[in-house]
Amino acid sequence: MRIAQIEDNPAVAEGVMLRFEVRWPDACVSHAQLGEHGMKMIGPENPDIVILGLEVSDMDGFDVCAQIRRSSAISIVVLTVRDTLEEIMKGSELGADDYMASPFKPVEFLARVSTVHSFGVSMWLMCNGLAWPFSRIMWLLILPGAEYVKTVSL
């Protein structure tokens, strides 16, 4: 598994890296302290998942999430101290696949990362260079000229 971590707090970054090393010894974790560097790292590194801290110092972490999602269907897990309902909803609306507030239980963090990773890009449909969310449970069939939308269970 290839992981891109965007986190400006060295202690949090080290803790996350250690958890990945223990759970997935073959995992390759790339780290960036700034949002801009993290976004540039994602293309060449081609990670399976992004662990995003919202408190990056050079830009708003929500902007980082939105910019990543605009160009990629990569899985994004937000790991942050921001825990209001409004912030959790904003993260989801901007494209985060999961949102965890600190402090967190390491076992729960790894379980959630594993779940998000197992769904991978299946949660996002790339269309015209943009990523659009769709249900893991239902497909929407929209036929040209149709007067209705049909749902099909997976």
Protein backbone atom coordinates (compact mmCIF):
# COMPACT_ATOMS: atom_id res chain seq x y z
CA MET A 1 0.00 0.00 0.00
CA ARG A 2 1.23 3.49 -0.87
CA ILE A 3 0.19 6.26 1.52
CA ALA A 4 0.58 10.01 1.14
CA GLN A 5 0.42 11.85 4.44
CA ILE A 6 -0.12 15.61 4.52
CA GLU A 7 0.42 16.72 8.11
CA ASP A 8 2.31 19.64 9.63
CA ASN A 9 2.59 18.27 13.18
CA PRO A 10 5.73 16.08 13.34
CA ALA A 11 4.48 14.11 16.36
CA VAL A 12 1.20 13.20 14.65
CA ALA A 13 2.99 12.38 11.39
CA GLU A 14 5.45 10.10 13.18
CA GLY A 15 2.65 8.37 15.09
CA VAL A 16 0.69 7.69 11.92
CA MET A 17 3.78 6.41 10.12
CA LEU A 18 4.57 4.08 13.04
CA ARG A 19 1.04 2.67 13.02
CA PHE A 20 1.28 1.95 9.30
CA GLU A 21 4.70 0.31 9.70
CA VAL A 22 3.34 -2.01 12.39
CA ARG A 23 0.09 -2.88 10.60
CA TRP A 24 1.39 -2.96 7.01
CA PRO A 25 5.21 -3.45 7.09
CA ASP A 26 5.46 -3.23 3.29
CA ALA A 27 3.58 0.08 3.16
CA CYS A 28 5.38 3.04 1.64
CA VAL A 29 4.49 6.29 3.43
CA SER A 30 5.37 9.62 1.83
CA HIS A 31 5.04 12.71 3.99
CA ALA A 32 4.58 16.40 3.27
CA GLN A 33 4.25 19.12 5.91
CA LEU A 34 2.64 21.67 3.59
CA GLY A 35 -0.58 21.34 1.63
CA GLU A 36 0.99 22.58 -1.61
CA HIS A 37 3.83 20.05 -1.34
CA GLY A 38 1.36 17.28 -0.54
CA MET A 39 -0.74 17.99 -3.60
CA LYS A 40 2.37 17.99 -5.81
CA MET A 41 3.51 14.71 -4.23
CA ILE A 42 0.28 12.87 -5.05
CA GLY A 43 0.74 12.71 -8.83
CA PRO A 44 4.23 11.21 -9.03
CA GLU A 45 3.84 9.04 -5.91
CA ASN A 46 0.51 7.60 -7.11
CA PRO A 47 -0.61 6.68 -3.58
CA ASP A 48 -3.54 4.41 -2.76
CA ILE A 49 -4.74 6.68 0.03
CA VAL A 50 -4.16 10.17 1.44
CA ILE A 51 -4.11 10.87 5.18
CA LEU A 52 -4.87 14.57 5.45
CA GLY A 53 -4.42 16.82 8.46
CA LEU A 54 -6.52 19.95 8.12
CA GLU A 55 -4.11 22.11 10.09
CA VAL A 56 -1.42 22.50 7.42
CA SER A 57 0.23 25.89 7.77
CA ASP A 58 0.39 27.10 4.17
CA MET A 59 -3.30 26.75 3.24
CA ASP A 60 -6.64 25.58 4.58
CA GLY A 61 -6.80 21.79 4.78
CA PHE A 62 -10.33 21.81 3.38
CA ASP A 63 -8.94 23.53 0.27
CA VAL A 64 -6.33 20.78 -0.02
CA CYS A 65 -9.08 18.14 0.18
CA ALA A 66 -11.19 19.90 -2.46
CA GLN A 67 -8.25 20.38 -4.84
CA ILE A 68 -7.21 16.74 -4.54
CA ARG A 69 -10.78 15.60 -5.18
CA ARG A 70 -11.19 17.84 -8.23
CA SER A 71 -8.48 15.94 -10.06
CA SER A 72 -8.36 12.50 -8.45
CA ALA A 73 -10.52 9.66 -7.19
CA ILE A 74 -7.90 8.71 -4.60
CA SER A 75 -9.21 7.76 -1.15
CA ILE A 76 -8.89 10.60 1.41
CA VAL A 77 -9.01 10.14 5.18
CA VAL A 78 -9.06 13.36 7.20
CA LEU A 79 -7.33 13.14 10.57
CA THR A 80 -7.79 16.33 12.59
CA VAL A 81 -8.62 17.98 15.90
CA ARG A 82 -11.55 19.78 14.22
CA ASP A 83 -14.58 17.90 15.46
CA THR A 84 -17.69 20.01 15.02
CA LEU A 85 -20.56 18.60 13.01
CA GLU A 86 -20.21 21.45 10.51
CA GLU A 87 -16.55 20.61 9.90
CA ILE A 88 -17.24 16.90 9.55
CA MET A 89 -20.00 17.63 7.04
CA LYS A 90 -17.78 20.08 5.15
CA GLY A 91 -15.02 17.47 4.87
CA SER A 92 -17.48 14.93 3.50
CA GLU A 93 -18.97 17.42 1.06
CA LEU A 94 -15.51 18.35 -0.24
CA GLY A 95 -14.63 14.73 -0.95
CA ALA A 96 -13.19 13.09 2.17
CA ASP A 97 -13.99 9.39 2.31
CA ASP A 98 -13.65 9.32 6.10
CA TYR A 99 -13.14 11.90 8.83
CA MET A 100 -11.55 11.14 12.21
CA ALA A 101 -11.16 13.62 15.03
CA SER A 102 -8.24 13.40 17.44
CA PRO A 103 -7.69 11.94 19.88
CA PHE A 104 -8.39 8.65 18.18
CA LYS A 105 -7.88 4.98 18.96
CA PRO A 106 -5.06 3.56 16.82
CA VAL A 107 -6.95 0.32 16.19
CA GLU A 108 -10.02 2.23 14.99
CA PHE A 109 -7.86 4.45 12.76
CA LEU A 110 -6.25 1.43 11.09
CA ALA A 111 -9.62 -0.30 10.69
CA ARG A 112 -11.12 2.76 9.03
CA VAL A 113 -8.13 3.18 6.73
CA SER A 114 -8.39 -0.47 5.79
CA THR A 115 -12.11 -0.08 5.01
CA VAL A 116 -11.61 3.06 2.92
CA HIS A 117 -8.69 1.42 1.11
CA SER A 118 -10.76 -1.68 0.33
CA PHE A 119 -13.43 0.47 -1.36
CA GLY A 120 -10.74 2.55 -3.07
CA VAL A 121 -11.82 4.59 -6.05
CA SER A 122 -15.10 2.72 -6.29
CA MET A 123 -16.69 5.56 -4.33
CA TRP A 124 -15.87 8.13 -7.01
CA LEU A 125 -16.72 8.27 -10.67
CA MET A 126 -14.26 10.16 -12.87
CA CYS A 127 -16.12 12.10 -15.55
CA ASN A 128 -14.68 14.84 -17.74
CA GLY A 129 -11.64 15.15 -15.49
CA LEU A 130 -13.72 15.63 -12.33
CA ALA A 131 -14.45 13.18 -9.52
CA TRP A 132 -18.12 12.74 -8.61
CA PRO A 133 -19.35 10.76 -5.58
CA PHE A 134 -21.73 7.88 -6.05
CA SER A 135 -23.17 5.24 -3.78
CA ARG A 136 -21.29 2.05 -3.05
CA ILE A 137 -24.65 0.30 -2.96
CA MET A 138 -26.53 1.67 -5.95
CA TRP A 139 -25.71 2.58 -9.55
CA LEU A 140 -27.75 5.21 -11.30
CA LEU A 141 -28.71 4.47 -14.89
CA ILE A 142 -29.62 7.62 -16.78
CA LEU A 143 -30.64 6.83 -20.31
CA PRO A 144 -30.72 9.56 -22.98
CA GLY A 145 -34.26 10.85 -23.38
CA ALA A 146 -35.48 8.94 -20.32
CA GLU A 147 -38.14 10.49 -18.14
CA TYR A 148 -36.92 8.74 -15.01
CA VAL A 149 -33.75 7.49 -13.31
CA LYS A 150 -33.35 3.80 -12.60
CA THR A 151 -31.32 2.51 -9.65
CA VAL A 152 -29.61 -0.86 -9.77
CA SER A 153 -28.27 -2.61 -6.66
CA LEU A 154 -24.71 -3.90 -6.78
